[in-house]
Protein backbone atom coordinates (compact mmCIF):
# COMPACT_ATOMS: atom_id res chain seq x y z
CA MET A 1 0.12 -0.10 0.24
CA HIS A 2 1.28 3.62 -0.67
CA ASP A 3 1.18 5.68 1.84
CA ASN A 4 -0.84 8.92 0.02
CA HIS A 5 -2.46 10.31 2.82
CA GLY A 6 -2.76 13.93 2.49
CA THR A 7 -1.23 13.76 -1.18
CA PRO A 8 -4.08 14.62 -4.00
CA ILE A 9 -4.19 11.42 -6.15
CA TRP A 10 -6.17 10.52 -9.16
CA VAL A 11 -8.17 7.72 -8.57
CA ILE A 12 -10.03 6.56 -11.99
CA GLY A 13 -9.96 10.00 -12.83
CA HIS A 14 -11.39 11.73 -9.82
CA LYS A 15 -8.77 13.73 -7.87
CA LEU A 16 -8.77 12.55 -4.27
CA THR A 17 -6.89 13.39 -1.05
CA SER A 18 -7.48 11.06 1.57
CA ILE A 19 -7.54 12.55 5.23
CA VAL A 20 -5.68 10.48 8.22
CA THR A 21 -8.36 9.31 10.89
CA THR A 22 -8.43 7.05 13.82
CA GLY A 23 -8.77 3.99 11.35
CA ASP A 24 -12.76 3.72 11.76
CA TYR A 25 -13.86 5.55 9.38
CA ALA A 26 -12.27 7.07 5.79
CA PHE A 27 -12.26 10.66 4.80
CA ALA A 28 -11.52 11.84 1.68
CA GLU A 29 -12.05 15.22 -0.30
CA VAL A 30 -12.88 14.43 -4.08
CA THR A 31 -12.82 16.55 -7.09
CA VAL A 32 -14.68 15.52 -10.19
CA THR A 33 -13.98 16.94 -13.45
CA PRO A 34 -16.76 17.29 -15.91
CA GLY A 35 -17.66 14.37 -17.91
CA VAL A 36 -15.63 11.80 -16.13
CA PRO A 37 -17.46 9.04 -15.13
CA GLY A 38 -18.14 8.18 -11.76
CA PRO A 39 -17.46 4.90 -10.47
CA PRO A 40 -19.49 1.70 -11.85
CA PRO A 41 -22.72 1.38 -9.81
CA HIS A 42 -21.85 -0.35 -6.56
CA TYR A 43 -22.74 -1.02 -2.80
CA HIS A 44 -21.12 -1.79 0.69
CA GLU A 45 -22.08 -4.84 2.59
CA GLU A 46 -20.26 -3.26 5.80
CA ALA A 47 -20.02 0.75 5.34
CA GLU A 48 -22.74 3.08 5.36
CA GLU A 49 -21.30 6.63 2.93
CA LEU A 50 -21.93 10.21 3.56
CA TYR A 51 -21.45 12.82 0.64
CA PHE A 52 -21.10 16.35 1.84
CA VAL A 53 -20.79 19.22 -1.56
CA VAL A 54 -18.25 21.58 -0.66
CA GLU A 55 -18.45 23.20 -4.42
CA GLY A 56 -20.94 22.75 -7.21
CA THR A 57 -23.56 20.41 -7.71
CA MET A 58 -23.32 16.84 -8.26
CA GLU A 59 -25.97 14.08 -8.77
CA PHE A 60 -25.80 10.82 -6.90
CA LEU A 61 -27.43 7.28 -7.91
CA ARG A 62 -29.09 5.54 -4.74
CA ASP A 63 -30.65 2.73 -5.83
CA ASP A 64 -32.80 3.51 -8.82
CA ALA A 65 -32.69 7.21 -8.79
CA TRP A 66 -30.56 10.19 -9.36
CA HIS A 67 -30.41 12.91 -6.92
CA VAL A 68 -29.14 16.48 -7.24
CA VAL A 69 -27.22 18.03 -4.25
CA SER A 70 -25.63 21.44 -4.27
CA GLN A 71 -23.13 23.24 -2.46
CA GLY A 72 -23.63 22.92 1.27
CA GLU A 73 -25.91 19.88 1.60
CA SER A 74 -25.28 16.21 2.33
CA PHE A 75 -26.48 12.90 0.74
CA ARG A 76 -26.59 9.51 2.77
CA ILE A 77 -25.81 6.10 1.34
CA PRO A 78 -26.88 3.25 3.68
CA LYS A 79 -25.02 0.02 3.69
CA GLY A 80 -26.24 -2.34 0.63
CA ALA A 81 -27.73 0.64 -1.53
CA LEU A 82 -26.64 0.67 -4.89
CA HIS A 83 -24.90 3.91 -5.80
CA SER A 84 -22.44 6.16 -7.88
CA PHE A 85 -22.07 9.77 -8.60
CA ARG A 86 -21.41 11.95 -11.64
CA ASN A 87 -20.97 15.46 -12.50
CA GLU A 88 -23.23 16.44 -15.51
CA GLY A 89 -22.12 20.56 -15.31
CA ASP A 90 -19.28 22.38 -16.97
CA GLN A 91 -17.08 23.13 -13.97
CA PRO A 92 -15.25 20.67 -11.52
CA THR A 93 -17.19 19.85 -8.14
CA ARG A 94 -15.93 18.92 -4.95
CA PHE A 95 -17.33 16.94 -2.06
CA ILE A 96 -15.93 15.28 1.06
CA THR A 97 -16.88 11.45 1.21
CA ILE A 98 -16.97 9.45 4.91
CA HIS A 99 -17.05 5.54 4.89
CA ASP A 100 -18.16 4.39 8.09
CA PRO A 101 -16.27 1.69 8.54
CA GLY A 102 -14.12 2.73 5.85
CA ARG A 103 -10.61 1.04 6.29
CA ALA A 104 -11.02 -1.08 3.46
CA MET A 105 -12.11 1.78 0.94
CA ASP A 106 -9.21 3.57 2.05
CA THR A 107 -7.11 0.99 1.14
CA LEU A 108 -8.40 0.71 -2.19
CA PHE A 109 -8.23 4.45 -3.34
CA LEU A 110 -4.52 4.46 -1.58
CA ASN A 111 -3.39 1.30 -3.19
CA PHE A 112 -4.73 2.45 -6.98
CA GLY A 113 -4.47 6.44 -6.64
CA ILE A 114 -1.38 7.86 -8.61
CA PRO A 115 -0.36 11.41 -7.22
CA VAL A 116 -1.29 14.19 -9.20
CA ASP A 117 2.42 15.22 -9.58
CA GLU A 118 3.29 12.44 -11.52
CA PRO A 119 3.76 12.64 -15.28
CA ASP A 120 0.28 11.69 -17.31
CA SER A 121 -1.05 10.67 -13.91
CA PHE A 122 -4.77 11.22 -14.75
CA GLU A 123 -4.46 9.34 -18.01
CA ARG A 124 -2.51 6.53 -16.20
CA SER A 125 -5.54 6.50 -13.66
CA VAL A 126 -8.09 6.14 -16.55
CA SER A 127 -6.22 3.70 -18.61
CA LYS A 128 -8.38 0.58 -19.40
CA GLU A 129 -5.46 -1.71 -17.54
CA LEU A 130 -5.81 0.32 -14.36
CA ILE A 131 -9.40 0.48 -14.21
CA GLY A 132 -9.69 -3.20 -14.58
CA GLN A 133 -7.12 -3.84 -11.60
CA PHE A 134 -9.31 -1.53 -9.80
CA ALA A 135 -12.73 -3.28 -10.81
CA ALA A 136 -10.92 -6.94 -10.00
CA ALA A 137 -9.78 -5.61 -6.65
CA ALA A 138 -12.71 -3.59 -5.37
CA GLY A 139 -14.78 -6.86 -4.00
CA ASP A 140 -12.09 -7.66 -1.30
CA HIS A 141 -12.50 -3.82 -0.57
CA ASP A 142 -16.12 -3.93 0.34
CA MET A 143 -16.71 -2.22 -3.09
CA ILE A 144 -19.31 -4.88 -4.59
CA ILE A 145 -19.83 -4.45 -8.28
CA PRO A 146 -22.75 -6.24 -9.44
CA SER A 147 -22.53 -8.40 -12.37
CA PRO A 148 -24.66 -7.04 -15.53
CA GLU A 149 -28.04 -8.60 -16.04
CA PRO A 150 -28.06 -11.21 -18.66
CA ALA A 151 -29.68 -9.42 -21.82
């Protein structure tokens, strides 16, 4: 595991800064670039998640509905709820995310994050290879990505 706490990193196209906590929960600031897809819809068996929008407007998927959340508002994802996020605007948005408990998610982010000051870090973070590795490891870190329904 890389110790990138406090260092801005790109994680699947999103700039994330993980903040050191007691280890009982994960706390990170995330900047979402317009047009970069959020994570695949997923759920957590162990953790609840809370988002707080610091700047801009985000859309959060919870179960089957998208919810618009503006600056200064929060949005809760209970354990087991299928969710994702997106920025449909034309400006980057920032939010705080808290996973409780969160050690598994923090480890996933830090293992697959690329420091923003490394060459081509954004491009590497959205490479097919890295996204595949991230998705393959996600289930071991309480990020369950359901298999698509057969057509």
